[in-house]
Amino acid sequence: MEKFFELEEYAQIEVLQNIQDSFANSLGMGAVIVDYKGEPITKESNFTKFCTYIRNNEELKGKCYKCDAYGGVQSAITKKPHIYKCHAGLVDFAIPIMANNTYIGAILGGQVRLKEDLKEENNVLDDKYNEELSKYYKDINIKTYEEVKYAADLMYQISNYIINKDIVKINSDFNNNKVKIDRATNIELIKEYNLDNEQYSEEIYKAINYIHSNIKKNITLEEVASYINLSPNYLSKTFKKEIGINFITYITNKKIELAKEMLKDTDIPILNISIDLSFNKPNYFSKVFKKIVGLTPSEYRCTLQNK
């Protein structure tokens, strides 16, 4: 099994910690850097007493981690900063750390109240928490949305400059192991139809080749029809007639076949596999995978590891 690249093996943690501390203290925001699993690789910087208190509560801490995971996923999908509200109504942002288009971690920041929301913030917390946390809540810094966006963009630019120096080594390792990695992710691993032995028309032959060559992308019927100079309606009918299943089902099956190979031959996180195969919603990827395979991606990988 090919080993997934760990951010903490390559990043200069002390440098990142100093930058994170300076950023958080100068802008009056909390910040922390996490790996792709959501586990911190730096110490928390300038976390509010409110958030520290909440994270000491087991029930509420789980909600915090879910919010962090959500922010990280969204930033990984868009490959740019993502601003969002946590379960307690505070504004946070997530900045993806990428290597060769692979999500390996994120910078999380924020923990501020929005000036635009001050009139409605009395409804932020459940009644049972209001009295207990009101003092800490009132001490939280107030920012405008534009100030949060500026901070996120600033940290994004700084992190790209600093972290990319470390990413060069990661990318180099990716390239040095390209053959091994490709063996686990290349389209050749898909159990393709033997086109030479099948009685496909020239149009369908071209369509299948196009699909296989772009399987990681979000392929549409209109895109393939345009490529082979057919109308989408005609391609749809002909495809189902010759292949035996409809266009979307064929593509989905091929994506899941590739996902199975990636789960078997690498330790690439399921989130990254989902993103790599253009399933922009990880929950949807798991749902489709289970429908076809009978197991969730994590269950499937576990069965392989136990063999």
C-alpha atoms as a PDB file:
ATOM      1  CA  MET A   1       0.000   0.000   0.000  1.00  0.00           C
ATOM      2  CA  GLU A   2       1.388   3.404  -0.968  1.00  0.00           C
ATOM      3  CA  LYS A   3       1.781   5.749   1.985  1.00  0.00           C
ATOM      4  CA  PHE A   4      -0.167   9.006   2.043  1.00  0.00           C
ATOM      5  CA  PHE A   5       1.911  12.135   2.566  1.00  0.00           C
ATOM      6  CA  GLU A   6       1.671  13.537   6.095  1.00  0.00           C
ATOM      7  CA  LEU A   7       1.891  17.322   6.404  1.00  0.00           C
ATOM      8  CA  GLU A   8       3.824  17.229   9.668  1.00  0.00           C
ATOM      9  CA  GLU A   9       6.565  15.145   8.035  1.00  0.00           C
ATOM     10  CA  TYR A  10       7.373  17.979   5.627  1.00  0.00           C
ATOM     11  CA  ALA A  11       6.211  21.291   7.084  1.00  0.00           C
ATOM     12  CA  GLN A  12       8.472  23.350   9.341  1.00  0.00           C
ATOM     13  CA  ILE A  13       6.144  23.320  12.330  1.00  0.00           C
ATOM     14  CA  GLU A  14       8.095  25.910  14.319  1.00  0.00           C
ATOM     15  CA  VAL A  15       7.951  28.387  11.417  1.00  0.00           C
ATOM     16  CA  LEU A  16       4.239  27.750  10.912  1.00  0.00           C
ATOM     17  CA  GLN A  17       3.619  28.194  14.647  1.00  0.00           C
ATOM     18  CA  ASN A  18       5.374  31.578  14.693  1.00  0.00           C
ATOM     19  CA  ILE A  19       3.424  32.804  11.663  1.00  0.00           C
ATOM     20  CA  GLN A  20       0.181  31.504  13.101  1.00  0.00           C
ATOM     21  CA  ASP A  21       0.825  33.197  16.471  1.00  0.00           C
ATOM     22  CA  SER A  22       1.681  36.532  14.836  1.00  0.00           C
ATOM     23  CA  PHE A  23      -1.363  36.370  12.577  1.00  0.00           C
ATOM     24  CA  ALA A  24      -3.774  35.495  15.391  1.00  0.00           C
ATOM     25  CA  ASN A  25      -2.471  38.067  17.855  1.00  0.00           C
ATOM     26  CA  SER A  26      -2.196  40.952  15.384  1.00  0.00           C
ATOM     27  CA  LEU A  27      -5.680  40.473  13.927  1.00  0.00           C
ATOM     28  CA  GLY A  28      -7.415  39.422  17.128  1.00  0.00           C
ATOM     29  CA  MET A  29      -8.506  36.005  15.888  1.00  0.00           C
ATOM     30  CA  GLY A  30      -7.993  32.401  16.886  1.00  0.00           C
ATOM     31  CA  ALA A  31      -5.985  30.082  14.642  1.00  0.00           C
ATOM     32  CA  VAL A  32      -4.684  26.512  14.405  1.00  0.00           C
ATOM     33  CA  ILE A  33      -3.261  24.292  11.653  1.00  0.00           C
ATOM     34  CA  VAL A  34      -4.625  20.764  11.276  1.00  0.00           C
ATOM     35  CA  ASP A  35      -3.744  17.770   9.122  1.00  0.00           C
ATOM     36  CA  TYR A  36      -6.153  16.131   6.672  1.00  0.00           C
ATOM     37  CA  LYS A  37      -7.725  14.166   9.546  1.00  0.00           C
ATOM     38  CA  GLY A  38      -8.526  17.392  11.387  1.00  0.00           C
ATOM     39  CA  GLU A  39      -5.917  16.767  14.082  1.00  0.00           C
ATOM     40  CA  PRO A  40      -3.869  19.834  15.159  1.00  0.00           C
ATOM     41  CA  ILE A  41      -0.191  19.960  14.209  1.00  0.00           C
ATOM     42  CA  THR A  42       0.339  23.366  15.847  1.00  0.00           C
ATOM     43  CA  LYS A  43      -0.659  24.727  19.228  1.00  0.00           C
ATOM     44  CA  GLU A  44      -3.810  26.818  19.336  1.00  0.00           C
ATOM     45  CA  SER A  45      -3.167  30.550  18.947  1.00  0.00           C
ATOM     46  CA  ASN A  46      -5.299  33.196  20.663  1.00  0.00           C
ATOM     47  CA  PHE A  47      -8.298  30.907  21.135  1.00  0.00           C
ATOM     48  CA  THR A  48     -11.134  32.740  22.887  1.00  0.00           C
ATOM     49  CA  LYS A  49     -12.095  31.764  26.425  1.00  0.00           C
ATOM     50  CA  PHE A  50     -15.551  31.090  25.024  1.00  0.00           C
ATOM     51  CA  CYS A  51     -14.284  28.494  22.524  1.00  0.00           C
ATOM     52  CA  THR A  52     -11.851  26.979  25.018  1.00  0.00           C
ATOM     53  CA  TYR A  53     -14.697  26.562  27.498  1.00  0.00           C
ATOM     54  CA  ILE A  54     -16.954  24.971  24.900  1.00  0.00           C
ATOM     55  CA  ARG A  55     -14.248  22.565  23.730  1.00  0.00           C
ATOM     56  CA  ASN A  56     -13.884  21.335  27.297  1.00  0.00           C
ATOM     57  CA  ASN A  57     -17.504  20.165  27.104  1.00  0.00           C
ATOM     58  CA  GLU A  58     -17.537  16.730  25.428  1.00  0.00           C
ATOM     59  CA  GLU A  59     -20.936  17.236  23.789  1.00  0.00           C
ATOM     60  CA  LEU A  60     -20.141  20.670  22.422  1.00  0.00           C
ATOM     61  CA  LYS A  61     -16.558  19.757  21.471  1.00  0.00           C
ATOM     62  CA  GLY A  62     -17.978  17.227  19.013  1.00  0.00           C
ATOM     63  CA  LYS A  63     -19.992  19.987  17.365  1.00  0.00           C
ATOM     64  CA  CYS A  64     -16.848  22.131  17.128  1.00  0.00           C
ATOM     65  CA  TYR A  65     -14.947  19.342  15.407  1.00  0.00           C
ATOM     66  CA  LYS A  66     -17.787  18.805  12.954  1.00  0.00           C
ATOM     67  CA  CYS A  67     -17.715  22.495  12.065  1.00  0.00           C
ATOM     68  CA  ASP A  68     -13.938  22.349  11.595  1.00  0.00           C
ATOM     69  CA  ALA A  69     -14.317  19.299   9.374  1.00  0.00           C
ATOM     70  CA  TYR A  70     -16.998  21.036   7.319  1.00  0.00           C
ATOM     71  CA  GLY A  71     -14.828  24.101   6.781  1.00  0.00           C
ATOM     72  CA  GLY A  72     -11.835  22.000   5.781  1.00  0.00           C
ATOM     73  CA  VAL A  73     -13.858  19.951   3.306  1.00  0.00           C
ATOM     74  CA  GLN A  74     -15.359  23.008   1.649  1.00  0.00           C
ATOM     75  CA  SER A  75     -11.992  24.714   1.326  1.00  0.00           C
ATOM     76  CA  ALA A  76     -10.496  21.536  -0.127  1.00  0.00           C
ATOM     77  CA  ILE A  77     -13.255  21.314  -2.714  1.00  0.00           C
ATOM     78  CA  THR A  78     -12.923  24.940  -3.831  1.00  0.00           C
ATOM     79  CA  LYS A  79      -9.153  25.117  -3.203  1.00  0.00           C
ATOM     80  CA  LYS A  80      -9.562  28.576  -1.695  1.00  0.00           C
ATOM     81  CA  PRO A  81     -10.527  30.107   1.694  1.00  0.00           C
ATOM     82  CA  HIS A  82     -13.986  29.194   2.952  1.00  0.00           C
ATOM     83  CA  ILE A  83     -15.786  31.419   5.470  1.00  0.00           C
ATOM     84  CA  TYR A  84     -18.564  29.863   7.547  1.00  0.00           C
ATOM     85  CA  LYS A  85     -20.422  30.048  10.856  1.00  0.00           C
ATOM     86  CA  CYS A  86     -19.838  27.493  13.575  1.00  0.00           C
ATOM     87  CA  HIS A  87     -22.613  25.865  15.599  1.00  0.00           C
ATOM     88  CA  ALA A  88     -22.355  28.619  18.235  1.00  0.00           C
ATOM     89  CA  GLY A  89     -22.768  31.395  15.697  1.00  0.00           C
ATOM     90  CA  LEU A  90     -19.133  32.554  15.561  1.00  0.00           C
ATOM     91  CA  VAL A  91     -17.508  33.183  12.200  1.00  0.00           C
ATOM     92  CA  ASP A  92     -14.556  31.000  11.163  1.00  0.00           C
ATOM     93  CA  PHE A  93     -12.583  30.381   8.004  1.00  0.00           C
ATOM     94  CA  ALA A  94     -10.628  27.448   6.590  1.00  0.00           C
ATOM     95  CA  ILE A  95      -7.678  27.621   4.197  1.00  0.00           C
ATOM     96  CA  PRO A  96      -6.691  24.417   2.356  1.00  0.00           C
ATOM     97  CA  ILE A  97      -3.123  23.125   2.243  1.00  0.00           C
ATOM     98  CA  MET A  98      -2.682  21.245  -1.019  1.00  0.00           C
ATOM     99  CA  ALA A  99       0.090  19.146  -2.591  1.00  0.00           C
ATOM    100  CA  ASN A 100      -0.331  17.981  -6.175  1.00  0.00           C
ATOM    101  CA  ASN A 101      -4.047  18.807  -5.911  1.00  0.00           C
ATOM    102  CA  THR A 102      -4.282  16.570  -2.839  1.00  0.00           C
ATOM    103  CA  TYR A 103      -5.747  17.927   0.402  1.00  0.00           C
ATOM    104  CA  ILE A 104      -3.221  17.364   3.199  1.00  0.00           C
ATOM    105  CA  GLY A 105      -4.375  19.843   5.823  1.00  0.00           C
ATOM    106  CA  ALA A 106      -5.925  23.212   6.589  1.00  0.00           C
ATOM    107  CA  ILE A 107      -5.400  26.462   8.454  1.00  0.00           C
ATOM    108  CA  LEU A 108      -8.411  27.262  10.620  1.00  0.00           C
ATOM    109  CA  GLY A 109      -9.029  30.769  11.938  1.00  0.00           C
ATOM    110  CA  GLY A 110     -11.664  33.169  13.155  1.00  0.00           C
ATOM    111  CA  GLN A 111     -13.673  32.777  16.365  1.00  0.00           C
ATOM    112  CA  VAL A 112     -15.176  36.254  15.998  1.00  0.00           C
ATOM    113  CA  ARG A 113     -18.623  37.811  16.137  1.00  0.00           C
ATOM    114  CA  LEU A 114     -19.916  39.578  13.063  1.00  0.00           C
ATOM    115  CA  LYS A 115     -20.850  43.210  13.417  1.00  0.00           C
ATOM    116  CA  GLU A 116     -23.666  42.617  10.953  1.00  0.00           C
ATOM    117  CA  ASP A 117     -25.214  40.007  13.287  1.00  0.00           C
ATOM    118  CA  LEU A 118     -25.205  41.889  16.587  1.00  0.00           C
ATOM    119  CA  LYS A 119     -28.951  42.508  16.542  1.00  0.00           C
ATOM    120  CA  GLU A 120     -29.720  38.800  16.234  1.00  0.00           C
ATOM    121  CA  GLU A 121     -27.021  37.240  18.376  1.00  0.00           C
ATOM    122  CA  ASN A 122     -29.208  36.844  21.436  1.00  0.00           C
ATOM    123  CA  ASN A 123     -30.512  33.676  19.786  1.00  0.00           C
ATOM    124  CA  VAL A 124     -27.073  32.237  19.107  1.00  0.00           C
ATOM    125  CA  LEU A 125     -26.871  29.785  22.003  1.00  0.00           C
ATOM    126  CA  ASP A 126     -29.348  27.430  23.600  1.00  0.00           C
ATOM    127  CA  ASP A 127     -30.934  28.840  26.760  1.00  0.00           C
ATOM    128  CA  LYS A 128     -29.023  26.440  29.021  1.00  0.00           C
ATOM    129  CA  TYR A 129     -25.722  27.883  27.841  1.00  0.00           C
ATOM    130  CA  ASN A 130     -26.561  31.598  27.705  1.00  0.00           C
ATOM    131  CA  GLU A 131     -26.086  32.423  31.372  1.00  0.00           C
ATOM    132  CA  GLU A 132     -22.997  30.276  31.809  1.00  0.00           C
ATOM    133  CA  LEU A 133     -21.168  31.536  28.744  1.00  0.00           C
ATOM    134  CA  SER A 134     -22.487  35.070  28.383  1.00  0.00           C
ATOM    135  CA  LYS A 135     -19.438  36.684  29.999  1.00  0.00           C
ATOM    136  CA  TYR A 136     -16.987  34.911  27.699  1.00  0.00           C
ATOM    137  CA  TYR A 137     -19.241  35.506  24.709  1.00  0.00           C
ATOM    138  CA  LYS A 138     -19.356  39.261  25.249  1.00  0.00           C
ATOM    139  CA  ASP A 139     -15.532  39.364  25.316  1.00  0.00           C
ATOM    140  CA  ILE A 140     -15.242  37.935  21.786  1.00  0.00           C
ATOM    141  CA  ASN A 141     -13.863  40.367  19.206  1.00  0.00           C
ATOM    142  CA  ILE A 142     -16.346  41.882  16.776  1.00  0.00           C
ATOM    143  CA  LYS A 143     -15.370  42.089  13.092  1.00  0.00           C
ATOM    144  CA  THR A 144     -17.113  42.998   9.868  1.00  0.00           C
ATOM    145  CA  TYR A 145     -17.458  40.350   7.194  1.00  0.00           C
ATOM    146  CA  GLU A 146     -14.991  42.278   5.026  1.00  0.00           C
ATOM    147  CA  GLU A 147     -12.412  42.195   7.824  1.00  0.00           C
ATOM    148  CA  VAL A 148     -12.813  38.430   8.131  1.00  0.00           C
ATOM    149  CA  LYS A 149     -12.494  38.036   4.374  1.00  0.00           C
ATOM    150  CA  TYR A 150      -9.375  40.210   4.378  1.00  0.00           C
ATOM    151  CA  ALA A 151      -7.828  38.114   7.163  1.00  0.00           C
ATOM    152  CA  ALA A 152      -8.610  34.865   5.357  1.00  0.00           C
ATOM    153  CA  ASP A 153      -7.181  36.151   2.079  1.00  0.00           C
ATOM    154  CA  LEU A 154      -4.086  37.466   3.846  1.00  0.00           C
ATOM    155  CA  MET A 155      -3.419  34.164   5.579  1.00  0.00           C
ATOM    156  CA  TYR A 156      -4.052  32.354   2.301  1.00  0.00           C
ATOM    157  CA  GLN A 157      -1.358  34.386   0.557  1.00  0.00           C
ATOM    158  CA  ILE A 158       1.113  34.040   3.421  1.00  0.00           C
ATOM    159  CA  SER A 159       0.541  30.296   3.760  1.00  0.00           C
ATOM    160  CA  ASN A 160       0.957  29.754   0.033  1.00  0.00           C
ATOM    161  CA  TYR A 161       4.310  31.515   0.097  1.00  0.00           C
ATOM    162  CA  ILE A 162       5.662  29.824   3.223  1.00  0.00           C
ATOM    163  CA  ILE A 163       4.109  26.381   2.980  1.00  0.00           C
ATOM    164  CA  ASN A 164       4.827  26.012  -0.728  1.00  0.00           C
ATOM    165  CA  LYS A 165       8.522  25.947   0.123  1.00  0.00           C
ATOM    166  CA  ASP A 166       7.831  22.788   2.074  1.00  0.00           C
ATOM    167  CA  ILE A 167       5.369  21.538  -0.530  1.00  0.00           C
ATOM    168  CA  VAL A 168       8.194  21.558  -3.090  1.00  0.00           C
ATOM    169  CA  LYS A 169       9.662  18.590  -1.260  1.00  0.00           C
ATOM    170  CA  ILE A 170       6.283  16.890  -1.114  1.00  0.00           C
ATOM    171  CA  ASN A 171       5.752  17.473  -4.830  1.00  0.00           C
ATOM    172  CA  SER A 172       9.241  16.149  -5.496  1.00  0.00           C
ATOM    173  CA  ASP A 173       8.424  12.992  -3.594  1.00  0.00           C
ATOM    174  CA  PHE A 174       5.167  12.709  -5.506  1.00  0.00           C
ATOM    175  CA  ASN A 175       7.069  12.963  -8.785  1.00  0.00           C
ATOM    176  CA  ASN A 176       9.790  10.555  -7.704  1.00  0.00           C
ATOM    177  CA  ASN A 177       7.117   8.013  -6.869  1.00  0.00           C
ATOM    178  CA  LYS A 178       4.928   8.905  -9.835  1.00  0.00           C
ATOM    179  CA  VAL A 179       4.929   5.411 -11.284  1.00  0.00           C
ATOM    180  CA  LYS A 180       3.901   3.887  -7.960  1.00  0.00           C
ATOM    181  CA  ILE A 181       1.211   6.491  -7.331  1.00  0.00           C
ATOM    182  CA  ASP A 182      -0.108   6.287 -10.868  1.00  0.00           C
ATOM    183  CA  ARG A 183      -0.397   2.541 -10.432  1.00  0.00           C
ATOM    184  CA  ALA A 184      -2.998   3.209  -7.771  1.00  0.00           C
ATOM    185  CA  THR A 185      -4.814   6.096  -9.407  1.00  0.00           C
ATOM    186  CA  ASN A 186      -4.292   5.785 -13.135  1.00  0.00           C
ATOM    187  CA  ILE A 187      -7.264   5.100 -15.346  1.00  0.00           C
ATOM    188  CA  GLU A 188      -5.597   1.885 -16.485  1.00  0.00           C
ATOM    189  CA  LEU A 189      -6.608   0.349 -13.176  1.00  0.00           C
ATOM    190  CA  ILE A 190     -10.243   0.533 -14.213  1.00  0.00           C
ATOM    191  CA  LYS A 191     -11.373  -2.818 -15.530  1.00  0.00           C
ATOM    192  CA  GLU A 192     -12.283  -1.484 -18.909  1.00  0.00           C
ATOM    193  CA  TYR A 193     -14.357  -3.219 -21.499  1.00  0.00           C
ATOM    194  CA  ASN A 194     -12.231  -4.974 -24.109  1.00  0.00           C
ATOM    195  CA  LEU A 195     -13.132  -2.592 -26.925  1.00  0.00           C
ATOM    196  CA  ASP A 196     -11.413  -4.624 -29.608  1.00  0.00           C
ATOM    197  CA  ASN A 197     -13.652  -7.603 -28.918  1.00  0.00           C
ATOM    198  CA  GLU A 198     -16.921  -5.704 -28.596  1.00  0.00           C
ATOM    199  CA  GLN A 199     -19.191  -4.721 -31.444  1.00  0.00           C
ATOM    200  CA  TYR A 200     -19.415  -1.032 -30.636  1.00  0.00           C
ATOM    201  CA  SER A 201     -20.128   1.639 -33.175  1.00  0.00           C
ATOM    202  CA  GLU A 202     -17.345   4.140 -33.839  1.00  0.00           C
ATOM    203  CA  GLU A 203     -19.249   6.847 -31.953  1.00  0.00           C
ATOM    204  CA  ILE A 204     -19.659   4.762 -28.802  1.00  0.00           C
ATOM    205  CA  TYR A 205     -16.051   3.598 -29.035  1.00  0.00           C
ATOM    206  CA  LYS A 206     -14.960   7.258 -29.000  1.00  0.00           C
ATOM    207  CA  ALA A 207     -17.377   8.074 -26.195  1.00  0.00           C
ATOM    208  CA  ILE A 208     -16.016   5.297 -23.962  1.00  0.00           C
ATOM    209  CA  ASN A 209     -12.428   6.262 -24.663  1.00  0.00           C
ATOM    210  CA  TYR A 210     -13.236   9.869 -23.752  1.00  0.00           C
ATOM    211  CA  ILE A 211     -14.940   8.787 -20.528  1.00  0.00           C
ATOM    212  CA  HIS A 212     -12.028   6.578 -19.503  1.00  0.00           C
ATOM    213  CA  SER A 213      -9.501   9.324 -20.226  1.00  0.00           C
ATOM    214  CA  ASN A 214     -11.415  11.875 -18.130  1.00  0.00           C
ATOM    215  CA  ILE A 215     -13.020   9.665 -15.508  1.00  0.00           C
ATOM    216  CA  LYS A 216     -11.850  11.802 -12.586  1.00  0.00           C
ATOM    217  CA  LYS A 217     -13.623  14.842 -13.977  1.00  0.00           C
ATOM    218  CA  ASN A 218     -17.300  15.739 -13.748  1.00  0.00           C
ATOM    219  CA  ILE A 219     -18.190  14.415 -17.207  1.00  0.00           C
ATOM    220  CA  THR A 220     -21.527  15.419 -18.742  1.00  0.00           C
ATOM    221  CA  LEU A 221     -23.544  13.895 -21.552  1.00  0.00           C
ATOM    222  CA  GLU A 222     -23.445  17.210 -23.421  1.00  0.00           C
ATOM    223  CA  GLU A 223     -19.654  17.354 -23.147  1.00  0.00           C
ATOM    224  CA  VAL A 224     -19.140  13.883 -24.625  1.00  0.00           C
ATOM    225  CA  ALA A 225     -21.806  14.424 -27.301  1.00  0.00           C
ATOM    226  CA  SER A 226     -20.046  17.600 -28.401  1.00  0.00           C
ATOM    227  CA  TYR A 227     -16.703  15.794 -28.503  1.00  0.00           C
ATOM    228  CA  ILE A 228     -17.976  13.153 -30.933  1.00  0.00           C
ATOM    229  CA  ASN A 229     -20.327  15.487 -32.841  1.00  0.00           C
ATOM    230  CA  LEU A 230     -23.616  13.881 -31.828  1.00  0.00           C
ATOM    231  CA  SER A 231     -26.731  15.285 -30.220  1.00  0.00           C
ATOM    232  CA  PRO A 232     -27.013  14.491 -26.488  1.00  0.00           C
ATOM    233  CA  ASN A 233     -30.343  12.757 -27.046  1.00  0.00           C
ATOM    234  CA  TYR A 234     -28.968  10.489 -29.800  1.00  0.00           C
ATOM    235  CA  LEU A 235     -25.843   9.648 -27.780  1.00  0.00           C
ATOM    236  CA  SER A 236     -27.941   8.793 -24.731  1.00  0.00           C
ATOM    237  CA  LYS A 237     -30.166   6.388 -26.640  1.00  0.00           C
ATOM    238  CA  THR A 238     -27.322   4.791 -28.596  1.00  0.00           C
ATOM    239  CA  PHE A 239     -25.114   4.454 -25.521  1.00  0.00           C
ATOM    240  CA  LYS A 240     -27.768   2.566 -23.577  1.00  0.00           C
ATOM    241  CA  LYS A 241     -28.596   0.379 -26.560  1.00  0.00           C
ATOM    242  CA  GLU A 242     -24.993  -0.703 -27.151  1.00  0.00           C
ATOM    243  CA  ILE A 243     -23.593  -0.735 -23.586  1.00  0.00           C
ATOM    244  CA  GLY A 244     -26.722  -1.993 -21.842  1.00  0.00           C
ATOM    245  CA  ILE A 245     -26.808   0.694 -19.142  1.00  0.00           C
ATOM    246  CA  ASN A 246     -27.373   4.435 -19.313  1.00  0.00           C
ATOM    247  CA  PHE A 247     -24.620   7.028 -19.640  1.00  0.00           C
ATOM    248  CA  ILE A 248     -24.629   8.263 -16.009  1.00  0.00           C
ATOM    249  CA  THR A 249     -24.713   4.754 -14.531  1.00  0.00           C
ATOM    250  CA  TYR A 250     -21.731   3.734 -16.653  1.00  0.00           C
ATOM    251  CA  ILE A 251     -19.652   6.708 -15.490  1.00  0.00           C
ATOM    252  CA  THR A 252     -20.656   6.197 -11.856  1.00  0.00           C
ATOM    253  CA  ASN A 253     -19.716   2.513 -11.987  1.00  0.00           C
ATOM    254  CA  LYS A 254     -16.316   3.356 -13.464  1.00  0.00           C
ATOM    255  CA  LYS A 255     -15.646   5.992 -10.798  1.00  0.00           C
ATOM    256  CA  ILE A 256     -16.498   3.501  -8.059  1.00  0.00           C
ATOM    257  CA  GLU A 257     -14.243   0.857  -9.633  1.00  0.00           C
ATOM    258  CA  LEU A 258     -11.370   3.322  -9.545  1.00  0.00           C
ATOM    259  CA  ALA A 259     -12.261   4.315  -5.976  1.00  0.00           C
ATOM    260  CA  LYS A 260     -12.037   0.632  -4.947  1.00  0.00           C
ATOM    261  CA  GLU A 261      -8.536   0.393  -6.407  1.00  0.00           C
ATOM    262  CA  MET A 262      -7.461   3.573  -4.628  1.00  0.00           C
ATOM    263  CA  LEU A 263      -8.876   2.303  -1.331  1.00  0.00           C
ATOM    264  CA  LYS A 264      -7.055  -0.997  -1.814  1.00  0.00           C
ATOM    265  CA  ASP A 265      -3.646   0.174  -3.028  1.00  0.00           C
ATOM    266  CA  THR A 266      -3.173   3.483  -1.168  1.00  0.00           C
ATOM    267  CA  ASP A 267      -3.896   5.057   2.201  1.00  0.00           C
ATOM    268  CA  ILE A 268      -5.195   8.220   0.549  1.00  0.00           C
ATOM    269  CA  PRO A 269      -7.971   9.600   2.810  1.00  0.00           C
ATOM    270  CA  ILE A 270     -11.516   8.907   1.670  1.00  0.00           C
ATOM    271  CA  LEU A 271     -12.195  12.644   1.553  1.00  0.00           C
ATOM    272  CA  ASN A 272      -9.405  13.098  -0.988  1.00  0.00           C
ATOM    273  CA  ILE A 273     -10.602  10.164  -3.077  1.00  0.00           C
ATOM    274  CA  SER A 274     -14.059  11.718  -3.128  1.00  0.00           C
ATOM    275  CA  ILE A 275     -12.704  15.080  -4.247  1.00  0.00           C
ATOM    276  CA  ASP A 276     -10.305  13.507  -6.764  1.00  0.00           C
ATOM    277  CA  LEU A 277     -13.198  11.710  -8.452  1.00  0.00           C
ATOM    278  CA  SER A 278     -15.323  14.883  -8.532  1.00  0.00           C
ATOM    279  CA  PHE A 279     -17.821  13.774  -5.882  1.00  0.00           C
ATOM    280  CA  ASN A 280     -18.000  17.261  -4.364  1.00  0.00           C
ATOM    281  CA  LYS A 281     -20.094  16.003  -1.467  1.00  0.00           C
ATOM    282  CA  PRO A 282     -18.268  13.259   0.499  1.00  0.00           C
ATOM    283  CA  ASN A 283     -21.520  11.996   1.993  1.00  0.00           C
ATOM    284  CA  TYR A 284     -22.900  11.480  -1.508  1.00  0.00           C
ATOM    285  CA  PHE A 285     -19.754   9.564  -2.505  1.00  0.00           C
ATOM    286  CA  SER A 286     -20.194   7.230   0.472  1.00  0.00           C
ATOM    287  CA  LYS A 287     -23.867   6.765  -0.347  1.00  0.00           C
ATOM    288  CA  VAL A 288     -23.183   5.883  -3.991  1.00  0.00           C
ATOM    289  CA  PHE A 289     -20.249   3.631  -3.042  1.00  0.00           C
ATOM    290  CA  LYS A 290     -22.374   1.680  -0.564  1.00  0.00           C
ATOM    291  CA  LYS A 291     -25.226   1.338  -3.048  1.00  0.00           C
ATOM    292  CA  ILE A 292     -22.907  -0.253  -5.621  1.00  0.00           C
ATOM    293  CA  VAL A 293     -20.437  -2.144  -3.414  1.00  0.00           C
ATOM    294  CA  GLY A 294     -22.650  -2.936  -0.426  1.00  0.00           C
ATOM    295  CA  LEU A 295     -20.195  -1.324   2.014  1.00  0.00           C
ATOM    296  CA  THR A 296     -19.181   2.240   2.813  1.00  0.00           C
ATOM    297  CA  PRO A 297     -15.680   3.255   1.630  1.00  0.00           C
ATOM    298  CA  SER A 298     -14.295   2.985   5.166  1.00  0.00           C
ATOM    299  CA  GLU A 299     -15.904  -0.438   5.671  1.00  0.00           C
ATOM    300  CA  TYR A 300     -14.520  -1.603   2.328  1.00  0.00           C
ATOM    301  CA  ARG A 301     -10.997  -0.485   3.223  1.00  0.00           C
ATOM    302  CA  CYS A 302     -11.251  -2.182   6.623  1.00  0.00           C
ATOM    303  CA  THR A 303     -12.245  -5.500   5.056  1.00  0.00           C
ATOM    304  CA  LEU A 304      -9.162  -5.337   2.820  1.00  0.00           C
ATOM    305  CA  GLN A 305      -6.865  -4.516   5.743  1.00  0.00           C
ATOM    306  CA  ASN A 306      -8.219  -7.451   7.756  1.00  0.00           C
ATOM    307  CA  LYS A 307      -7.493  -9.987   5.019  1.00  0.00           C
END
